[in-house]
């Protein structure tokens, strides 16, 4: 009765792994950042509207636009 404790090596040594595209690799953290960007954009728009500050409102437009582009750029 013999026990072979050494694992058998992979039979096919010619396996080529495709590199993962950056959009798929970083999709989860970027979607998390986009989620928080929406909240920051809403806060900026609200504060800009309350104080009648056009700079904050325009900045909220920019943040919303960037947050909307994240899912389009990193789509599956």
PDB file of N, CA and C in Angstrom:
ATOM      1  N   UNK A   1       0.838  -1.163   0.000  1.00  0.00           N
ATOM      2  CA  UNK A   1       0.000   0.000   0.000  1.00  0.00           C
ATOM      3  C   UNK A   1       0.893   1.239   0.000  1.00  0.00           C
ATOM      4  N   UNK A   2       0.886   1.960  -1.077  1.00  0.00           N
ATOM      5  CA  UNK A   2       1.716   3.153  -1.157  1.00  0.00           C
ATOM      6  C   UNK A   2       0.825   4.385  -1.218  1.00  0.00           C
ATOM      7  N   UNK A   3       1.260   5.415  -0.535  1.00  0.00           N
ATOM      8  CA  UNK A   3       0.526   6.681  -0.566  1.00  0.00           C
ATOM      9  C   UNK A   3       1.420   7.714  -1.218  1.00  0.00           C
ATOM     10  N   UNK A   4       0.905   8.325  -2.233  1.00  0.00           N
ATOM     11  CA  UNK A   4       1.637   9.351  -2.961  1.00  0.00           C
ATOM     12  C   UNK A   4       1.167  10.713  -2.450  1.00  0.00           C
ATOM     13  N   UNK A   5       2.020  11.392  -1.687  1.00  0.00           N
ATOM     14  CA  UNK A   5       1.650  12.682  -1.105  1.00  0.00           C
ATOM     15  C   UNK A   5       1.979  13.857  -2.008  1.00  0.00           C
ATOM     16  N   UNK A   6       2.726  13.629  -3.052  1.00  0.00           N
ATOM     17  CA  UNK A   6       3.052  14.734  -3.952  1.00  0.00           C
ATOM     18  C   UNK A   6       1.895  14.950  -4.911  1.00  0.00           C
ATOM     19  N   UNK A   7       1.464  16.169  -5.062  1.00  0.00           N
ATOM     20  CA  UNK A   7       0.351  16.416  -5.987  1.00  0.00           C
ATOM     21  C   UNK A   7       0.811  16.223  -7.423  1.00  0.00           C
ATOM     22  N   UNK A   8      -0.109  15.810  -8.248  1.00  0.00           N
ATOM     23  CA  UNK A   8       0.225  15.631  -9.663  1.00  0.00           C
ATOM     24  C   UNK A   8       0.306  17.006 -10.310  1.00  0.00           C
ATOM     25  N   UNK A   9       1.315  17.221 -11.105  1.00  0.00           N
ATOM     26  CA  UNK A   9       1.437  18.533 -11.761  1.00  0.00           C
ATOM     27  C   UNK A   9       0.349  18.713 -12.808  1.00  0.00           C
ATOM     28  N   UNK A  10       0.121  19.971 -13.142  1.00  0.00           N
ATOM     29  CA  UNK A  10      -0.871  20.283 -14.166  1.00  0.00           C
ATOM     30  C   UNK A  10      -0.439  19.645 -15.476  1.00  0.00           C
ATOM     31  N   UNK A  11      -1.354  18.946 -16.099  1.00  0.00           N
ATOM     32  CA  UNK A  11      -1.017  18.216 -17.311  1.00  0.00           C
ATOM     33  C   UNK A  11      -0.779  19.157 -18.496  1.00  0.00           C
ATOM     34  N   UNK A  12      -1.499  20.245 -18.558  1.00  0.00           N
ATOM     35  CA  UNK A  12      -1.381  21.161 -19.687  1.00  0.00           C
ATOM     36  C   UNK A  12      -0.604  22.400 -19.244  1.00  0.00           C
ATOM     37  N   UNK A  13       0.611  22.525 -19.699  1.00  0.00           N
ATOM     38  CA  UNK A  13       1.453  23.663 -19.334  1.00  0.00           C
ATOM     39  C   UNK A  13       1.298  24.833 -20.309  1.00  0.00           C
ATOM     40  N   UNK A  14       0.467  24.696 -21.334  1.00  0.00           N
ATOM     41  CA  UNK A  14       0.323  25.726 -22.362  1.00  0.00           C
ATOM     42  C   UNK A  14      -0.916  26.589 -22.160  1.00  0.00           C
ATOM     43  N   UNK A  15      -1.363  26.727 -20.937  1.00  0.00           N
ATOM     44  CA  UNK A  15      -2.548  27.538 -20.657  1.00  0.00           C
ATOM     45  C   UNK A  15      -2.158  29.019 -20.702  1.00  0.00           C
ATOM     46  N   UNK A  16      -2.902  29.771 -21.488  1.00  0.00           N
ATOM     47  CA  UNK A  16      -2.646  31.208 -21.596  1.00  0.00           C
ATOM     48  C   UNK A  16      -3.796  31.933 -20.919  1.00  0.00           C
ATOM     49  N   UNK A  17      -3.483  32.704 -19.890  1.00  0.00           N
ATOM     50  CA  UNK A  17      -4.494  33.480 -19.186  1.00  0.00           C
ATOM     51  C   UNK A  17      -4.600  34.858 -19.815  1.00  0.00           C
ATOM     52  N   UNK A  18      -5.816  35.236 -20.157  1.00  0.00           N
ATOM     53  CA  UNK A  18      -6.038  36.561 -20.740  1.00  0.00           C
ATOM     54  C   UNK A  18      -5.948  37.610 -19.643  1.00  0.00           C
ATOM     55  N   UNK A  19      -5.352  38.747 -19.933  1.00  0.00           N
ATOM     56  CA  UNK A  19      -5.322  39.807 -18.915  1.00  0.00           C
ATOM     57  C   UNK A  19      -6.732  40.361 -18.695  1.00  0.00           C
ATOM     58  N   UNK A  20      -7.020  40.692 -17.465  1.00  0.00           N
ATOM     59  CA  UNK A  20      -8.331  41.237 -17.113  1.00  0.00           C
ATOM     60  C   UNK A  20      -8.345  42.718 -17.489  1.00  0.00           C
ATOM     61  N   UNK A  21      -9.353  43.164 -18.252  1.00  0.00           N
ATOM     62  CA  UNK A  21      -9.411  44.586 -18.600  1.00  0.00           C
ATOM     63  C   UNK A  21      -9.586  45.452 -17.351  1.00  0.00           C
ATOM     64  N   UNK A  22      -9.078  46.668 -17.418  1.00  0.00           N
ATOM     65  CA  UNK A  22      -9.097  47.542 -16.248  1.00  0.00           C
ATOM     66  C   UNK A  22     -10.522  47.869 -15.843  1.00  0.00           C
ATOM     67  N   UNK A  23     -11.449  47.960 -16.808  1.00  0.00           N
ATOM     68  CA  UNK A  23     -12.829  48.285 -16.486  1.00  0.00           C
ATOM     69  C   UNK A  23     -13.488  47.223 -15.629  1.00  0.00           C
ATOM     70  N   UNK A  24     -13.154  45.963 -15.906  1.00  0.00           N
ATOM     71  CA  UNK A  24     -13.715  44.868 -15.119  1.00  0.00           C
ATOM     72  C   UNK A  24     -12.990  44.739 -13.782  1.00  0.00           C
ATOM     73  N   UNK A  25     -11.700  44.991 -13.805  1.00  0.00           N
ATOM     74  CA  UNK A  25     -10.896  44.843 -12.592  1.00  0.00           C
ATOM     75  C   UNK A  25     -11.278  45.871 -11.528  1.00  0.00           C
ATOM     76  N   UNK A  26     -11.525  47.093 -11.944  1.00  0.00           N
ATOM     77  CA  UNK A  26     -11.799  48.176 -11.001  1.00  0.00           C
ATOM     78  C   UNK A  26     -13.272  48.573 -10.968  1.00  0.00           C
ATOM     79  N   UNK A  27     -14.168  47.744 -11.499  1.00  0.00           N
ATOM     80  CA  UNK A  27     -15.584  48.112 -11.579  1.00  0.00           C
ATOM     81  C   UNK A  27     -16.193  48.322 -10.194  1.00  0.00           C
ATOM     82  N   UNK A  28     -15.976  47.412  -9.280  1.00  0.00           N
ATOM     83  CA  UNK A  28     -16.604  47.527  -7.956  1.00  0.00           C
ATOM     84  C   UNK A  28     -16.160  48.781  -7.203  1.00  0.00           C
ATOM     85  N   UNK A  29     -14.850  49.070  -7.114  1.00  0.00           N
ATOM     86  CA  UNK A  29     -14.478  50.306  -6.408  1.00  0.00           C
ATOM     87  C   UNK A  29     -14.958  51.577  -7.114  1.00  0.00           C
ATOM     88  N   UNK A  30     -14.971  51.555  -8.446  1.00  0.00           N
ATOM     89  CA  UNK A  30     -15.435  52.740  -9.165  1.00  0.00           C
ATOM     90  C   UNK A  30     -16.939  52.938  -9.005  1.00  0.00           C
ATOM     91  N   UNK A  31     -17.699  51.852  -8.969  1.00  0.00           N
ATOM     92  CA  UNK A  31     -19.140  51.988  -8.748  1.00  0.00           C
ATOM     93  C   UNK A  31     -19.417  52.484  -7.325  1.00  0.00           C
ATOM     94  N   UNK A  32     -18.599  52.058  -6.380  1.00  0.00           N
ATOM     95  CA  UNK A  32     -18.732  52.563  -5.016  1.00  0.00           C
ATOM     96  C   UNK A  32     -18.430  54.058  -4.980  1.00  0.00           C
ATOM     97  N   UNK A  33     -17.399  54.470  -5.688  1.00  0.00           N
ATOM     98  CA  UNK A  33     -17.059  55.895  -5.748  1.00  0.00           C
ATOM     99  C   UNK A  33     -18.175  56.684  -6.445  1.00  0.00           C
ATOM    100  N   UNK A  34     -18.779  56.115  -7.485  1.00  0.00           N
ATOM    101  CA  UNK A  34     -19.873  56.801  -8.174  1.00  0.00           C
ATOM    102  C   UNK A  34     -21.084  56.957  -7.262  1.00  0.00           C
ATOM    103  N   UNK A  35     -21.355  55.933  -6.455  1.00  0.00           N
ATOM    104  CA  UNK A  35     -22.463  56.016  -5.500  1.00  0.00           C
ATOM    105  C   UNK A  35     -22.257  57.185  -4.539  1.00  0.00           C
ATOM    106  N   UNK A  36     -21.052  57.280  -3.992  1.00  0.00           N
ATOM    107  CA  UNK A  36     -20.769  58.366  -3.052  1.00  0.00           C
ATOM    108  C   UNK A  36     -20.718  59.712  -3.763  1.00  0.00           C
ATOM    109  N   UNK A  37     -20.319  59.730  -5.026  1.00  0.00           N
ATOM    110  CA  UNK A  37     -20.301  60.981  -5.785  1.00  0.00           C
ATOM    111  C   UNK A  37     -21.721  61.514  -5.972  1.00  0.00           C
ATOM    112  N   UNK A  38     -22.687  60.608  -6.176  1.00  0.00           N
ATOM    113  CA  UNK A  38     -24.077  61.066  -6.274  1.00  0.00           C
ATOM    114  C   UNK A  38     -24.529  61.745  -4.980  1.00  0.00           C
ATOM    115  N   UNK A  39     -24.182  61.151  -3.848  1.00  0.00           N
ATOM    116  CA  UNK A  39     -24.565  61.761  -2.577  1.00  0.00           C
ATOM    117  C   UNK A  39     -23.893  63.114  -2.390  1.00  0.00           C
ATOM    118  N   UNK A  40     -22.627  63.211  -2.741  1.00  0.00           N
ATOM    119  CA  UNK A  40     -21.918  64.495  -2.641  1.00  0.00           C
ATOM    120  C   UNK A  40     -22.531  65.505  -3.600  1.00  0.00           C
ATOM    121  N   UNK A  41     -22.887  65.049  -4.812  1.00  0.00           N
ATOM    122  CA  UNK A  41     -23.532  65.938  -5.779  1.00  0.00           C
ATOM    123  C   UNK A  41     -24.861  66.467  -5.286  1.00  0.00           C
ATOM    124  N   UNK A  42     -25.660  65.587  -4.662  1.00  0.00           N
ATOM    125  CA  UNK A  42     -26.937  66.052  -4.098  1.00  0.00           C
ATOM    126  C   UNK A  42     -26.712  67.069  -2.988  1.00  0.00           C
ATOM    127  N   UNK A  43     -25.727  66.816  -2.153  1.00  0.00           N
ATOM    128  CA  UNK A  43     -25.446  67.754  -1.066  1.00  0.00           C
ATOM    129  C   UNK A  43     -24.984  69.107  -1.620  1.00  0.00           C
ATOM    130  N   UNK A  44     -24.135  69.083  -2.633  1.00  0.00           N
ATOM    131  CA  UNK A  44     -23.670  70.336  -3.241  1.00  0.00           C
ATOM    132  C   UNK A  44     -24.824  71.083  -3.907  1.00  0.00           C
ATOM    133  N   UNK A  45     -25.689  70.341  -4.608  1.00  0.00           N
ATOM    134  CA  UNK A  45     -26.823  70.999  -5.268  1.00  0.00           C
ATOM    135  C   UNK A  45     -27.768  71.605  -4.241  1.00  0.00           C
ATOM    136  N   UNK A  46     -28.010  70.889  -3.161  1.00  0.00           N
ATOM    137  CA  UNK A  46     -28.904  71.418  -2.122  1.00  0.00           C
ATOM    138  C   UNK A  46     -28.298  72.660  -1.473  1.00  0.00           C
ATOM    139  N   UNK A  47     -27.027  72.566  -1.095  1.00  0.00           N
ATOM    140  CA  UNK A  47     -26.380  73.703  -0.439  1.00  0.00           C
ATOM    141  C   UNK A  47     -26.283  74.894  -1.389  1.00  0.00           C
ATOM    142  N   UNK A  48     -25.985  74.616  -2.653  1.00  0.00           N
ATOM    143  CA  UNK A  48     -25.930  75.705  -3.631  1.00  0.00           C
ATOM    144  C   UNK A  48     -27.279  76.347  -3.863  1.00  0.00           C
ATOM    145  N   UNK A  49     -28.346  75.556  -3.825  1.00  0.00           N
ATOM    146  CA  UNK A  49     -29.692  76.101  -3.999  1.00  0.00           C
ATOM    147  C   UNK A  49     -30.143  76.906  -2.792  1.00  0.00           C
ATOM    148  N   UNK A  50     -29.803  76.427  -1.606  1.00  0.00           N
ATOM    149  CA  UNK A  50     -30.217  77.129  -0.380  1.00  0.00           C
ATOM    150  C   UNK A  50     -29.499  78.466  -0.260  1.00  0.00           C
ATOM    151  N   UNK A  51     -28.186  78.462  -0.559  1.00  0.00           N
ATOM    152  CA  UNK A  51     -27.400  79.697  -0.410  1.00  0.00           C
ATOM    153  C   UNK A  51     -27.347  80.523  -1.688  1.00  0.00           C
ATOM    154  N   UNK A  52     -28.032  80.072  -2.727  1.00  0.00           N
ATOM    155  CA  UNK A  52     -28.027  80.752  -4.020  1.00  0.00           C
ATOM    156  C   UNK A  52     -26.594  80.925  -4.544  1.00  0.00           C
ATOM    157  N   UNK A  53     -25.817  79.851  -4.451  1.00  0.00           N
ATOM    158  CA  UNK A  53     -24.418  79.861  -4.877  1.00  0.00           C
ATOM    159  C   UNK A  53     -24.304  79.063  -6.174  1.00  0.00           C
ATOM    160  N   UNK A  54     -24.111  79.765  -7.282  1.00  0.00           N
ATOM    161  CA  UNK A  54     -24.063  79.086  -8.578  1.00  0.00           C
ATOM    162  C   UNK A  54     -22.819  78.210  -8.731  1.00  0.00           C
ATOM    163  N   UNK A  55     -21.743  78.543  -8.022  1.00  0.00           N
ATOM    164  CA  UNK A  55     -20.533  77.723  -8.103  1.00  0.00           C
ATOM    165  C   UNK A  55     -20.791  76.313  -7.565  1.00  0.00           C
ATOM    166  N   UNK A  56     -21.491  76.216  -6.439  1.00  0.00           N
ATOM    167  CA  UNK A  56     -21.801  74.901  -5.888  1.00  0.00           C
ATOM    168  C   UNK A  56     -22.751  74.120  -6.793  1.00  0.00           C
ATOM    169  N   UNK A  57     -23.683  74.803  -7.403  1.00  0.00           N
ATOM    170  CA  UNK A  57     -24.617  74.133  -8.307  1.00  0.00           C
ATOM    171  C   UNK A  57     -23.876  73.611  -9.532  1.00  0.00           C
ATOM    172  N   UNK A  58     -22.998  74.430 -10.106  1.00  0.00           N
ATOM    173  CA  UNK A  58     -22.217  73.982 -11.260  1.00  0.00           C
ATOM    174  C   UNK A  58     -21.274  72.847 -10.882  1.00  0.00           C
ATOM    175  N   UNK A  59     -20.715  72.907  -9.690  1.00  0.00           N
ATOM    176  CA  UNK A  59     -19.848  71.819  -9.223  1.00  0.00           C
ATOM    177  C   UNK A  59     -20.648  70.529  -9.046  1.00  0.00           C
ATOM    178  N   UNK A  60     -21.884  70.654  -8.606  1.00  0.00           N
ATOM    179  CA  UNK A  60     -22.720  69.456  -8.469  1.00  0.00           C
ATOM    180  C   UNK A  60     -23.033  68.851  -9.841  1.00  0.00           C
ATOM    181  N   UNK A  61     -23.220  69.688 -10.867  1.00  0.00           N
ATOM    182  CA  UNK A  61     -23.410  69.171 -12.223  1.00  0.00           C
ATOM    183  C   UNK A  61     -22.192  68.372 -12.678  1.00  0.00           C
ATOM    184  N   UNK A  62     -21.024  68.884 -12.382  1.00  0.00           N
ATOM    185  CA  UNK A  62     -19.793  68.197 -12.759  1.00  0.00           C
ATOM    186  C   UNK A  62     -19.669  66.853 -12.040  1.00  0.00           C
ATOM    187  N   UNK A  63     -19.977  66.845 -10.752  1.00  0.00           N
ATOM    188  CA  UNK A  63     -19.897  65.599  -9.971  1.00  0.00           C
ATOM    189  C   UNK A  63     -20.927  64.594 -10.480  1.00  0.00           C
ATOM    190  N   UNK A  64     -22.145  65.051 -10.787  1.00  0.00           N
ATOM    191  CA  UNK A  64     -23.170  64.161 -11.336  1.00  0.00           C
ATOM    192  C   UNK A  64     -22.727  63.579 -12.678  1.00  0.00           C
ATOM    193  N   UNK A  65     -22.147  64.408 -13.519  1.00  0.00           N
ATOM    194  CA  UNK A  65     -21.702  63.932 -14.830  1.00  0.00           C
ATOM    195  C   UNK A  65     -20.617  62.870 -14.694  1.00  0.00           C
ATOM    196  N   UNK A  66     -19.661  63.100 -13.809  1.00  0.00           N
ATOM    197  CA  UNK A  66     -18.607  62.106 -13.602  1.00  0.00           C
ATOM    198  C   UNK A  66     -19.175  60.809 -13.021  1.00  0.00           C
ATOM    199  N   UNK A  67     -20.121  60.935 -12.102  1.00  0.00           N
ATOM    200  CA  UNK A  67     -20.723  59.748 -11.512  1.00  0.00           C
ATOM    201  C   UNK A  67     -21.535  58.963 -12.544  1.00  0.00           C
ATOM    202  N   UNK A  68     -22.142  59.651 -13.493  1.00  0.00           N
ATOM    203  CA  UNK A  68     -22.912  58.965 -14.538  1.00  0.00           C
ATOM    204  C   UNK A  68     -22.004  58.301 -15.570  1.00  0.00           C
ATOM    205  N   UNK A  69     -20.820  58.835 -15.756  1.00  0.00           N
ATOM    206  CA  UNK A  69     -19.903  58.255 -16.739  1.00  0.00           C
ATOM    207  C   UNK A  69     -19.249  56.963 -16.254  1.00  0.00           C
ATOM    208  N   UNK A  70     -19.133  56.789 -14.959  1.00  0.00           N
ATOM    209  CA  UNK A  70     -18.450  55.601 -14.420  1.00  0.00           C
ATOM    210  C   UNK A  70     -19.093  54.303 -14.909  1.00  0.00           C
ATOM    211  N   UNK A  71     -20.424  54.121 -14.815  1.00  0.00           N
ATOM    212  CA  UNK A  71     -20.989  52.853 -15.304  1.00  0.00           C
ATOM    213  C   UNK A  71     -20.852  52.680 -16.803  1.00  0.00           C
ATOM    214  N   UNK A  72     -20.861  53.788 -17.541  1.00  0.00           N
ATOM    215  CA  UNK A  72     -20.723  53.677 -18.993  1.00  0.00           C
ATOM    216  C   UNK A  72     -19.315  53.258 -19.405  1.00  0.00           C
ATOM    217  N   UNK A  73     -18.330  53.750 -18.688  1.00  0.00           N
ATOM    218  CA  UNK A  73     -16.938  53.442 -19.035  1.00  0.00           C
ATOM    219  C   UNK A  73     -16.550  52.038 -18.576  1.00  0.00           C
ATOM    220  N   UNK A  74     -17.098  51.599 -17.464  1.00  0.00           N
ATOM    221  CA  UNK A  74     -16.702  50.301 -16.908  1.00  0.00           C
ATOM    222  C   UNK A  74     -17.740  49.219 -17.155  1.00  0.00           C
ATOM    223  N   UNK A  75     -18.550  49.359 -18.193  1.00  0.00           N
ATOM    224  CA  UNK A  75     -19.594  48.358 -18.425  1.00  0.00           C
ATOM    225  C   UNK A  75     -18.972  46.991 -18.694  1.00  0.00           C
ATOM    226  N   UNK A  76     -19.757  45.979 -18.442  1.00  0.00           N
ATOM    227  CA  UNK A  76     -19.254  44.606 -18.536  1.00  0.00           C
ATOM    228  C   UNK A  76     -18.971  44.198 -19.950  1.00  0.00           C
TER     229      UNK A  76
END
